[in-house]
């Protein structure tokens, strides 16, 4: 698969199910960092445009005042988590307009994670922020810390897997997911629903697919489908992989089934993917690859 297609396979399937890496809460952060990394010439052009655009200038002015207000309030009331969250939100919006300081956002996120360690989504934001600025070890530390507090959390696992794949460490990502699956039954007995087994199993299959270990990917999806016949995610994932391999006839009924099982808000995207033309991928037509043959079977 192409690099873009691989990323799409890994993240979009779970994103459709509401645990996506680029969910609504994360999108402003990623956009902000992407903007920060643009060229100085582009940044200067945009800033000059903003100066002559009264709505944008007014928005920047308001956000700057919000930052000052909530920063002062957070200093006066250190335990005021709501103020800290509003401060972060304002900083992120400023960054999306090429204003503000990324490091300040990270510092605020670190404070927020300490105040609310049970909120895994905050740790995900922190980890992704550090990942975007190149602090891979800091990102990994944030994800590992979150998993200690909430073992098996789908959002954290997905973000951590993304980091590991970016670091070219797929086997560690696979081991992480397998470890979570092996402890899922016990964990869910203690705290029902603490580990979304279907999400983790589907993510495992997507990692296999990214590594061109197609036989193992299909097997992982089949296990997830068998374990939860009402969940559209593994059905969709399997359909996508079969289609990418050129097995359109096998994929078609799976797309239909996924659309039937999925909540209404996801049906259009599933149907769009079902009807789109697959990219040429001559090497993806086999279900066994050298990497999968050399890997011990589970």
C-alpha atoms as a PDB file:
ATOM      1  CA  UNK A   1       0.000   0.000   0.000  1.00  0.00           C
ATOM      2  CA  UNK A   2       1.064   3.604  -0.400  1.00  0.00           C
ATOM      3  CA  UNK A   3       2.083   5.463   2.748  1.00  0.00           C
ATOM      4  CA  UNK A   4      -1.079   7.552   2.683  1.00  0.00           C
ATOM      5  CA  UNK A   5      -3.245   4.466   2.220  1.00  0.00           C
ATOM      6  CA  UNK A   6      -1.467   2.714   5.095  1.00  0.00           C
ATOM      7  CA  UNK A   7      -2.108   5.611   7.450  1.00  0.00           C
ATOM      8  CA  UNK A   8      -5.712   5.691   6.301  1.00  0.00           C
ATOM      9  CA  UNK A   9      -6.149   1.971   6.961  1.00  0.00           C
ATOM     10  CA  UNK A  10      -4.736   2.264  10.452  1.00  0.00           C
ATOM     11  CA  UNK A  11      -6.634   5.323  11.603  1.00  0.00           C
ATOM     12  CA  UNK A  12      -9.797   5.910   9.607  1.00  0.00           C
ATOM     13  CA  UNK A  13     -11.511   2.667  10.589  1.00  0.00           C
ATOM     14  CA  UNK A  14     -11.339   3.454  14.281  1.00  0.00           C
ATOM     15  CA  UNK A  15     -11.892   7.138  13.578  1.00  0.00           C
ATOM     16  CA  UNK A  16     -15.245   6.280  12.064  1.00  0.00           C
ATOM     17  CA  UNK A  17     -16.153   4.599  15.336  1.00  0.00           C
ATOM     18  CA  UNK A  18     -15.529   7.641  17.469  1.00  0.00           C
ATOM     19  CA  UNK A  19     -12.080   6.794  18.796  1.00  0.00           C
ATOM     20  CA  UNK A  20     -10.172   8.329  15.907  1.00  0.00           C
ATOM     21  CA  UNK A  21      -6.792   9.947  16.242  1.00  0.00           C
ATOM     22  CA  UNK A  22      -8.009  13.034  14.436  1.00  0.00           C
ATOM     23  CA  UNK A  23     -11.178  13.550  16.396  1.00  0.00           C
ATOM     24  CA  UNK A  24     -12.764  16.953  16.854  1.00  0.00           C
ATOM     25  CA  UNK A  25     -10.851  17.709  20.050  1.00  0.00           C
ATOM     26  CA  UNK A  26      -7.494  16.899  18.464  1.00  0.00           C
ATOM     27  CA  UNK A  27      -7.968  18.528  15.062  1.00  0.00           C
ATOM     28  CA  UNK A  28      -7.268  22.125  16.195  1.00  0.00           C
ATOM     29  CA  UNK A  29      -4.048  20.982  17.829  1.00  0.00           C
ATOM     30  CA  UNK A  30      -2.785  19.152  14.763  1.00  0.00           C
ATOM     31  CA  UNK A  31      -3.775  22.028  12.513  1.00  0.00           C
ATOM     32  CA  UNK A  32      -1.994  24.438  14.798  1.00  0.00           C
ATOM     33  CA  UNK A  33       1.246  22.478  14.682  1.00  0.00           C
ATOM     34  CA  UNK A  34       1.011  22.043  10.930  1.00  0.00           C
ATOM     35  CA  UNK A  35       0.617  25.788  10.604  1.00  0.00           C
ATOM     36  CA  UNK A  36       3.590  26.383  12.881  1.00  0.00           C
ATOM     37  CA  UNK A  37       5.775  24.241  10.637  1.00  0.00           C
ATOM     38  CA  UNK A  38       4.912  26.206   7.462  1.00  0.00           C
ATOM     39  CA  UNK A  39       7.495  28.449   5.807  1.00  0.00           C
ATOM     40  CA  UNK A  40       8.340  31.864   7.229  1.00  0.00           C
ATOM     41  CA  UNK A  41       7.302  33.467   3.954  1.00  0.00           C
ATOM     42  CA  UNK A  42       3.867  31.837   4.070  1.00  0.00           C
ATOM     43  CA  UNK A  43       3.460  32.772   7.718  1.00  0.00           C
ATOM     44  CA  UNK A  44       4.345  36.387   7.047  1.00  0.00           C
ATOM     45  CA  UNK A  45       1.886  36.512   4.169  1.00  0.00           C
ATOM     46  CA  UNK A  46      -0.902  35.142   6.297  1.00  0.00           C
ATOM     47  CA  UNK A  47      -0.135  37.528   9.144  1.00  0.00           C
ATOM     48  CA  UNK A  48      -0.178  40.474   6.759  1.00  0.00           C
ATOM     49  CA  UNK A  49      -3.533  39.274   5.481  1.00  0.00           C
ATOM     50  CA  UNK A  50      -4.838  38.992   9.020  1.00  0.00           C
ATOM     51  CA  UNK A  51      -3.814  42.572   9.732  1.00  0.00           C
ATOM     52  CA  UNK A  52      -6.012  43.788   6.905  1.00  0.00           C
ATOM     53  CA  UNK A  53      -8.891  41.451   7.735  1.00  0.00           C
ATOM     54  CA  UNK A  54     -10.964  43.009  10.465  1.00  0.00           C
ATOM     55  CA  UNK A  55     -12.888  39.792  11.352  1.00  0.00           C
ATOM     56  CA  UNK A  56      -9.631  37.838  11.728  1.00  0.00           C
ATOM     57  CA  UNK A  57      -7.938  40.682  13.579  1.00  0.00           C
ATOM     58  CA  UNK A  58     -10.930  40.951  15.886  1.00  0.00           C
ATOM     59  CA  UNK A  59     -10.807  37.216  16.531  1.00  0.00           C
ATOM     60  CA  UNK A  60      -7.106  37.335  17.360  1.00  0.00           C
ATOM     61  CA  UNK A  61      -7.685  40.273  19.680  1.00  0.00           C
ATOM     62  CA  UNK A  62     -10.486  38.461  21.481  1.00  0.00           C
ATOM     63  CA  UNK A  63      -8.500  35.236  21.799  1.00  0.00           C
ATOM     64  CA  UNK A  64      -5.469  37.107  23.086  1.00  0.00           C
ATOM     65  CA  UNK A  65      -7.621  38.715  25.778  1.00  0.00           C
ATOM     66  CA  UNK A  66      -9.096  35.297  26.598  1.00  0.00           C
ATOM     67  CA  UNK A  67      -5.604  33.860  27.033  1.00  0.00           C
ATOM     68  CA  UNK A  68      -4.617  36.708  29.331  1.00  0.00           C
ATOM     69  CA  UNK A  69      -7.815  36.371  31.362  1.00  0.00           C
ATOM     70  CA  UNK A  70      -7.706  32.601  31.808  1.00  0.00           C
ATOM     71  CA  UNK A  71      -3.966  32.616  32.423  1.00  0.00           C
ATOM     72  CA  UNK A  72      -4.435  35.106  35.232  1.00  0.00           C
ATOM     73  CA  UNK A  73      -7.418  33.151  36.587  1.00  0.00           C
ATOM     74  CA  UNK A  74      -5.438  29.882  36.494  1.00  0.00           C
ATOM     75  CA  UNK A  75      -2.628  31.516  38.445  1.00  0.00           C
ATOM     76  CA  UNK A  76      -5.019  32.916  41.029  1.00  0.00           C
ATOM     77  CA  UNK A  77      -7.007  29.672  41.257  1.00  0.00           C
ATOM     78  CA  UNK A  78      -4.573  26.803  40.626  1.00  0.00           C
ATOM     79  CA  UNK A  79      -7.278  24.205  41.228  1.00  0.00           C
ATOM     80  CA  UNK A  80      -9.626  25.725  38.664  1.00  0.00           C
ATOM     81  CA  UNK A  81      -9.483  23.029  35.967  1.00  0.00           C
ATOM     82  CA  UNK A  82     -12.193  24.682  33.888  1.00  0.00           C
ATOM     83  CA  UNK A  83     -10.115  27.858  33.570  1.00  0.00           C
ATOM     84  CA  UNK A  84      -7.076  25.837  32.520  1.00  0.00           C
ATOM     85  CA  UNK A  85      -9.101  24.060  29.841  1.00  0.00           C
ATOM     86  CA  UNK A  86     -10.405  27.375  28.508  1.00  0.00           C
ATOM     87  CA  UNK A  87      -6.845  28.694  28.455  1.00  0.00           C
ATOM     88  CA  UNK A  88      -5.701  25.730  26.376  1.00  0.00           C
ATOM     89  CA  UNK A  89      -8.629  26.091  23.997  1.00  0.00           C
ATOM     90  CA  UNK A  90      -7.860  29.773  23.450  1.00  0.00           C
ATOM     91  CA  UNK A  91      -4.166  29.079  22.880  1.00  0.00           C
ATOM     92  CA  UNK A  92      -5.001  26.369  20.345  1.00  0.00           C
ATOM     93  CA  UNK A  93      -7.289  28.689  18.434  1.00  0.00           C
ATOM     94  CA  UNK A  94      -4.562  31.306  18.346  1.00  0.00           C
ATOM     95  CA  UNK A  95      -2.088  28.754  17.049  1.00  0.00           C
ATOM     96  CA  UNK A  96      -4.514  27.831  14.282  1.00  0.00           C
ATOM     97  CA  UNK A  97      -4.258  31.503  13.249  1.00  0.00           C
ATOM     98  CA  UNK A  98      -0.442  31.346  13.366  1.00  0.00           C
ATOM     99  CA  UNK A  99      -0.309  33.231  16.632  1.00  0.00           C
ATOM    100  CA  UNK A 100       0.838  32.191  20.092  1.00  0.00           C
ATOM    101  CA  UNK A 101       3.352  29.756  21.529  1.00  0.00           C
ATOM    102  CA  UNK A 102       3.289  25.972  21.126  1.00  0.00           C
ATOM    103  CA  UNK A 103       5.471  25.437  24.187  1.00  0.00           C
ATOM    104  CA  UNK A 104       2.926  27.273  26.324  1.00  0.00           C
ATOM    105  CA  UNK A 105       0.230  24.873  25.131  1.00  0.00           C
ATOM    106  CA  UNK A 106       2.364  21.880  26.077  1.00  0.00           C
ATOM    107  CA  UNK A 107       3.083  23.328  29.508  1.00  0.00           C
ATOM    108  CA  UNK A 108      -0.642  23.893  30.098  1.00  0.00           C
ATOM    109  CA  UNK A 109      -1.477  20.383  28.902  1.00  0.00           C
ATOM    110  CA  UNK A 110       1.070  18.944  31.331  1.00  0.00           C
ATOM    111  CA  UNK A 111      -0.690  20.786  34.150  1.00  0.00           C
ATOM    112  CA  UNK A 112      -4.077  19.543  32.966  1.00  0.00           C
ATOM    113  CA  UNK A 113      -2.901  15.918  32.816  1.00  0.00           C
ATOM    114  CA  UNK A 114      -1.637  16.173  36.394  1.00  0.00           C
ATOM    115  CA  UNK A 115      -4.942  17.643  37.556  1.00  0.00           C
ATOM    116  CA  UNK A 116      -7.081  15.058  35.772  1.00  0.00           C
ATOM    117  CA  UNK A 117      -5.022  11.888  35.200  1.00  0.00           C
ATOM    118  CA  UNK A 118      -8.233   9.890  34.781  1.00  0.00           C
ATOM    119  CA  UNK A 119      -9.051  11.797  31.579  1.00  0.00           C
ATOM    120  CA  UNK A 120      -7.138   9.837  28.973  1.00  0.00           C
ATOM    121  CA  UNK A 121      -7.988  12.291  26.204  1.00  0.00           C
ATOM    122  CA  UNK A 122      -5.840  14.944  27.896  1.00  0.00           C
ATOM    123  CA  UNK A 123      -2.847  12.619  27.883  1.00  0.00           C
ATOM    124  CA  UNK A 124      -3.493  11.876  24.216  1.00  0.00           C
ATOM    125  CA  UNK A 125      -3.451  15.593  23.412  1.00  0.00           C
ATOM    126  CA  UNK A 126      -0.240  16.056  25.375  1.00  0.00           C
ATOM    127  CA  UNK A 127       1.436  13.097  23.734  1.00  0.00           C
ATOM    128  CA  UNK A 128       0.424  14.198  20.264  1.00  0.00           C
ATOM    129  CA  UNK A 129       1.572  17.751  20.950  1.00  0.00           C
ATOM    130  CA  UNK A 130       5.011  16.492  21.965  1.00  0.00           C
ATOM    131  CA  UNK A 131       5.059  14.145  18.995  1.00  0.00           C
ATOM    132  CA  UNK A 132       4.375  17.031  16.616  1.00  0.00           C
ATOM    133  CA  UNK A 133       7.280  19.099  17.943  1.00  0.00           C
ATOM    134  CA  UNK A 134       9.644  16.139  17.699  1.00  0.00           C
ATOM    135  CA  UNK A 135       9.724  15.094  21.351  1.00  0.00           C
ATOM    136  CA  UNK A 136       9.047  11.405  20.625  1.00  0.00           C
ATOM    137  CA  UNK A 137      10.248  10.197  24.019  1.00  0.00           C
ATOM    138  CA  UNK A 138       8.100  12.760  25.796  1.00  0.00           C
ATOM    139  CA  UNK A 139       5.126  11.606  23.721  1.00  0.00           C
ATOM    140  CA  UNK A 140       5.761   7.951  24.547  1.00  0.00           C
ATOM    141  CA  UNK A 141       6.065   8.807  28.231  1.00  0.00           C
ATOM    142  CA  UNK A 142       2.704  10.590  28.153  1.00  0.00           C
ATOM    143  CA  UNK A 143       1.013   7.624  26.490  1.00  0.00           C
ATOM    144  CA  UNK A 144       2.593   5.082  28.857  1.00  0.00           C
ATOM    145  CA  UNK A 145       1.567   7.144  31.856  1.00  0.00           C
ATOM    146  CA  UNK A 146      -2.002   7.302  30.573  1.00  0.00           C
ATOM    147  CA  UNK A 147      -2.086   3.538  30.068  1.00  0.00           C
ATOM    148  CA  UNK A 148      -1.022   3.026  33.683  1.00  0.00           C
ATOM    149  CA  UNK A 149      -4.014   5.067  34.789  1.00  0.00           C
ATOM    150  CA  UNK A 150      -6.428   3.629  32.219  1.00  0.00           C
ATOM    151  CA  UNK A 151      -5.068   0.349  30.845  1.00  0.00           C
ATOM    152  CA  UNK A 152      -6.510  -0.532  27.486  1.00  0.00           C
ATOM    153  CA  UNK A 153      -8.005   2.876  26.720  1.00  0.00           C
ATOM    154  CA  UNK A 154      -8.666   2.850  22.974  1.00  0.00           C
ATOM    155  CA  UNK A 155      -7.750   6.498  22.394  1.00  0.00           C
ATOM    156  CA  UNK A 156      -4.405   6.134  24.138  1.00  0.00           C
ATOM    157  CA  UNK A 157      -3.600   2.841  22.445  1.00  0.00           C
ATOM    158  CA  UNK A 158      -4.348   4.263  19.026  1.00  0.00           C
ATOM    159  CA  UNK A 159      -2.196   7.331  19.649  1.00  0.00           C
ATOM    160  CA  UNK A 160       0.669   5.242  21.043  1.00  0.00           C
ATOM    161  CA  UNK A 161       0.472   2.828  18.107  1.00  0.00           C
ATOM    162  CA  UNK A 162       0.633   5.806  15.748  1.00  0.00           C
ATOM    163  CA  UNK A 163       3.832   6.958  17.432  1.00  0.00           C
ATOM    164  CA  UNK A 164       5.404   3.499  17.341  1.00  0.00           C
ATOM    165  CA  UNK A 165       4.614   3.093  13.658  1.00  0.00           C
ATOM    166  CA  UNK A 166       6.073   6.521  12.957  1.00  0.00           C
ATOM    167  CA  UNK A 167       9.226   5.336  14.721  1.00  0.00           C
ATOM    168  CA  UNK A 168       9.314   2.193  12.551  1.00  0.00           C
ATOM    169  CA  UNK A 169       8.617  -0.059  15.524  1.00  0.00           C
ATOM    170  CA  UNK A 170       5.653  -2.129  14.321  1.00  0.00           C
ATOM    171  CA  UNK A 171       6.498  -5.217  16.356  1.00  0.00           C
ATOM    172  CA  UNK A 172       6.371  -3.196  19.569  1.00  0.00           C
ATOM    173  CA  UNK A 173       2.981  -1.840  18.489  1.00  0.00           C
ATOM    174  CA  UNK A 174       1.748  -5.367  17.832  1.00  0.00           C
ATOM    175  CA  UNK A 175       3.044  -6.588  21.195  1.00  0.00           C
ATOM    176  CA  UNK A 176       1.360  -3.670  22.961  1.00  0.00           C
ATOM    177  CA  UNK A 177      -1.994  -4.532  21.404  1.00  0.00           C
ATOM    178  CA  UNK A 178      -1.619  -8.267  22.042  1.00  0.00           C
ATOM    179  CA  UNK A 179      -0.760  -7.620  25.691  1.00  0.00           C
ATOM    180  CA  UNK A 180      -3.923  -5.570  26.071  1.00  0.00           C
ATOM    181  CA  UNK A 181      -6.017  -8.257  24.422  1.00  0.00           C
ATOM    182  CA  UNK A 182      -4.555 -10.918  26.707  1.00  0.00           C
ATOM    183  CA  UNK A 183      -5.585  -8.971  29.817  1.00  0.00           C
ATOM    184  CA  UNK A 184      -8.925  -7.736  28.467  1.00  0.00           C
ATOM    185  CA  UNK A 185     -11.116 -10.461  29.934  1.00  0.00           C
ATOM    186  CA  UNK A 186      -9.759  -9.952  33.441  1.00  0.00           C
ATOM    187  CA  UNK A 187      -9.810  -6.160  33.170  1.00  0.00           C
ATOM    188  CA  UNK A 188     -13.388  -6.100  31.887  1.00  0.00           C
ATOM    189  CA  UNK A 189     -14.467  -8.409  34.676  1.00  0.00           C
ATOM    190  CA  UNK A 190     -13.116  -5.965  37.247  1.00  0.00           C
ATOM    191  CA  UNK A 191     -14.352  -2.893  35.365  1.00  0.00           C
ATOM    192  CA  UNK A 192     -16.828  -3.750  32.598  1.00  0.00           C
ATOM    193  CA  UNK A 193     -16.031  -2.011  29.336  1.00  0.00           C
ATOM    194  CA  UNK A 194     -12.619  -0.783  30.406  1.00  0.00           C
ATOM    195  CA  UNK A 195     -11.042  -2.338  27.297  1.00  0.00           C
ATOM    196  CA  UNK A 196     -12.856  -2.127  23.981  1.00  0.00           C
ATOM    197  CA  UNK A 197     -11.796  -5.545  22.703  1.00  0.00           C
ATOM    198  CA  UNK A 198     -13.251  -5.015  19.236  1.00  0.00           C
ATOM    199  CA  UNK A 199     -11.434  -1.704  18.811  1.00  0.00           C
ATOM    200  CA  UNK A 200      -8.109  -3.162  19.943  1.00  0.00           C
ATOM    201  CA  UNK A 201      -8.499  -6.274  17.785  1.00  0.00           C
ATOM    202  CA  UNK A 202      -9.391  -4.151  14.768  1.00  0.00           C
ATOM    203  CA  UNK A 203      -6.448  -1.854  15.370  1.00  0.00           C
ATOM    204  CA  UNK A 204      -4.191  -4.924  15.563  1.00  0.00           C
ATOM    205  CA  UNK A 205      -5.477  -6.051  12.176  1.00  0.00           C
ATOM    206  CA  UNK A 206      -4.884  -2.590  10.753  1.00  0.00           C
ATOM    207  CA  UNK A 207      -1.283  -2.628  11.952  1.00  0.00           C
ATOM    208  CA  UNK A 208      -0.776  -6.010  10.295  1.00  0.00           C
ATOM    209  CA  UNK A 209      -2.259  -4.566   7.097  1.00  0.00           C
ATOM    210  CA  UNK A 210       0.108  -1.618   7.232  1.00  0.00           C
ATOM    211  CA  UNK A 211       3.015  -4.033   7.493  1.00  0.00           C
ATOM    212  CA  UNK A 212       1.706  -6.001   4.465  1.00  0.00           C
ATOM    213  CA  UNK A 213       0.975  -8.994   6.691  1.00  0.00           C
ATOM    214  CA  UNK A 214      -2.368  -9.451   5.008  1.00  0.00           C
ATOM    215  CA  UNK A 215      -3.123 -12.981   6.154  1.00  0.00           C
ATOM    216  CA  UNK A 216      -2.704 -11.992   9.786  1.00  0.00           C
ATOM    217  CA  UNK A 217      -4.705  -8.819   9.206  1.00  0.00           C
ATOM    218  CA  UNK A 218      -7.673 -10.745   7.807  1.00  0.00           C
ATOM    219  CA  UNK A 219      -7.430 -13.251  10.673  1.00  0.00           C
ATOM    220  CA  UNK A 220      -7.481 -10.435  13.235  1.00  0.00           C
ATOM    221  CA  UNK A 221     -10.514  -8.833  11.592  1.00  0.00           C
ATOM    222  CA  UNK A 222     -12.301 -12.199  11.470  1.00  0.00           C
ATOM    223  CA  UNK A 223     -11.744 -12.704  15.199  1.00  0.00           C
ATOM    224  CA  UNK A 224     -13.196  -9.260  15.924  1.00  0.00           C
ATOM    225  CA  UNK A 225     -16.186  -9.938  13.655  1.00  0.00           C
ATOM    226  CA  UNK A 226     -16.832 -13.296  15.315  1.00  0.00           C
ATOM    227  CA  UNK A 227     -16.606 -11.828  18.821  1.00  0.00           C
ATOM    228  CA  UNK A 228     -19.018  -8.964  18.113  1.00  0.00           C
ATOM    229  CA  UNK A 229     -21.340  -9.522  15.182  1.00  0.00           C
ATOM    230  CA  UNK A 230     -23.061  -6.145  15.697  1.00  0.00           C
ATOM    231  CA  UNK A 231     -19.939  -3.951  15.406  1.00  0.00           C
ATOM    232  CA  UNK A 232     -19.310  -2.475  11.970  1.00  0.00           C
ATOM    233  CA  UNK A 233     -15.644  -1.544  12.538  1.00  0.00           C
ATOM    234  CA  UNK A 234     -13.911  -4.863  11.812  1.00  0.00           C
ATOM    235  CA  UNK A 235     -16.326  -5.525   8.938  1.00  0.00           C
ATOM    236  CA  UNK A 236     -15.402  -2.176   7.417  1.00  0.00           C
ATOM    237  CA  UNK A 237     -11.691  -2.778   7.991  1.00  0.00           C
ATOM    238  CA  UNK A 238     -11.799  -6.161   6.280  1.00  0.00           C
ATOM    239  CA  UNK A 239     -13.766  -4.722   3.362  1.00  0.00           C
ATOM    240  CA  UNK A 240     -11.201  -1.952   2.896  1.00  0.00           C
ATOM    241  CA  UNK A 241      -8.296  -4.379   2.894  1.00  0.00           C
ATOM    242  CA  UNK A 242      -9.947  -6.788   0.450  1.00  0.00           C
ATOM    243  CA  UNK A 243     -10.778  -3.916  -1.871  1.00  0.00           C
ATOM    244  CA  UNK A 244      -7.216  -2.632  -1.715  1.00  0.00           C
ATOM    245  CA  UNK A 245      -6.045  -6.126  -2.664  1.00  0.00           C
ATOM    246  CA  UNK A 246      -8.272  -5.993  -5.718  1.00  0.00           C
ATOM    247  CA  UNK A 247     -10.839  -8.439  -4.294  1.00  0.00           C
ATOM    248  CA  UNK A 248     -13.762  -6.168  -5.025  1.00  0.00           C
ATOM    249  CA  UNK A 249     -16.357  -8.942  -5.255  1.00  0.00           C
ATOM    250  CA  UNK A 250     -15.417 -10.193  -1.775  1.00  0.00           C
ATOM    251  CA  UNK A 251     -15.359  -6.688  -0.361  1.00  0.00           C
ATOM    252  CA  UNK A 252     -18.750  -5.583  -1.714  1.00  0.00           C
ATOM    253  CA  UNK A 253     -20.993  -7.627   0.661  1.00  0.00           C
ATOM    254  CA  UNK A 254     -18.832  -6.568   3.598  1.00  0.00           C
ATOM    255  CA  UNK A 255     -19.309  -2.898   2.750  1.00  0.00           C
ATOM    256  CA  UNK A 256     -23.046  -3.532   2.573  1.00  0.00           C
ATOM    257  CA  UNK A 257     -22.999  -5.262   5.949  1.00  0.00           C
ATOM    258  CA  UNK A 258     -20.871  -2.517   7.510  1.00  0.00           C
ATOM    259  CA  UNK A 259     -23.310   0.134   6.271  1.00  0.00           C
ATOM    260  CA  UNK A 260     -26.217  -1.819   7.751  1.00  0.00           C
ATOM    261  CA  UNK A 261     -24.518  -2.135  11.138  1.00  0.00           C
ATOM    262  CA  UNK A 262     -23.051   1.379  11.362  1.00  0.00           C
ATOM    263  CA  UNK A 263     -24.783   4.344  13.004  1.00  0.00           C
ATOM    264  CA  UNK A 264     -26.459   6.653  10.517  1.00  0.00           C
ATOM    265  CA  UNK A 265     -23.719   9.312  10.639  1.00  0.00           C
ATOM    266  CA  UNK A 266     -21.148   6.857   9.223  1.00  0.00           C
ATOM    267  CA  UNK A 267     -23.206   5.282   6.436  1.00  0.00           C
ATOM    268  CA  UNK A 268     -22.447   7.868   3.752  1.00  0.00           C
ATOM    269  CA  UNK A 269     -18.686   7.548   4.240  1.00  0.00           C
ATOM    270  CA  UNK A 270     -18.885   3.755   4.143  1.00  0.00           C
ATOM    271  CA  UNK A 271     -20.894   3.866   0.920  1.00  0.00           C
ATOM    272  CA  UNK A 272     -18.475   6.379  -0.563  1.00  0.00           C
ATOM    273  CA  UNK A 273     -15.548   4.080   0.166  1.00  0.00           C
ATOM    274  CA  UNK A 274     -17.447   1.123  -1.252  1.00  0.00           C
ATOM    275  CA  UNK A 275     -18.050   2.953  -4.530  1.00  0.00           C
ATOM    276  CA  UNK A 276     -14.645   4.580  -4.925  1.00  0.00           C
ATOM    277  CA  UNK A 277     -12.062   3.186  -7.335  1.00  0.00           C
ATOM    278  CA  UNK A 278      -9.242   1.319  -5.567  1.00  0.00           C
ATOM    279  CA  UNK A 279      -5.673   2.441  -6.238  1.00  0.00           C
ATOM    280  CA  UNK A 280      -3.568   0.029  -8.296  1.00  0.00           C
ATOM    281  CA  UNK A 281      -1.691  -2.249  -5.924  1.00  0.00           C
ATOM    282  CA  UNK A 282      -0.201  -5.241  -7.734  1.00  0.00           C
ATOM    283  CA  UNK A 283       1.681  -6.548  -4.692  1.00  0.00           C
ATOM    284  CA  UNK A 284      -1.369  -6.584  -2.426  1.00  0.00           C
ATOM    285  CA  UNK A 285      -3.171  -9.431  -4.194  1.00  0.00           C
ATOM    286  CA  UNK A 286      -1.531 -12.165  -2.129  1.00  0.00           C
ATOM    287  CA  UNK A 287      -2.542 -13.012   1.388  1.00  0.00           C
ATOM    288  CA  UNK A 288       0.906 -14.197   2.425  1.00  0.00           C
ATOM    289  CA  UNK A 289       4.002 -12.016   2.411  1.00  0.00           C
ATOM    290  CA  UNK A 290       7.610 -12.707   3.359  1.00  0.00           C
ATOM    291  CA  UNK A 291       7.100 -10.853   6.644  1.00  0.00           C
ATOM    292  CA  UNK A 292       4.016 -12.878   7.553  1.00  0.00           C
ATOM    293  CA  UNK A 293       5.645 -16.166   6.573  1.00  0.00           C
ATOM    294  CA  UNK A 294       8.597 -15.442   8.822  1.00  0.00           C
ATOM    295  CA  UNK A 295       6.368 -14.484  11.722  1.00  0.00           C
ATOM    296  CA  UNK A 296       5.259 -17.219  14.152  1.00  0.00           C
ATOM    297  CA  UNK A 297       1.568 -17.882  13.834  1.00  0.00           C
ATOM    298  CA  UNK A 298      -0.651 -17.058  16.777  1.00  0.00           C
END
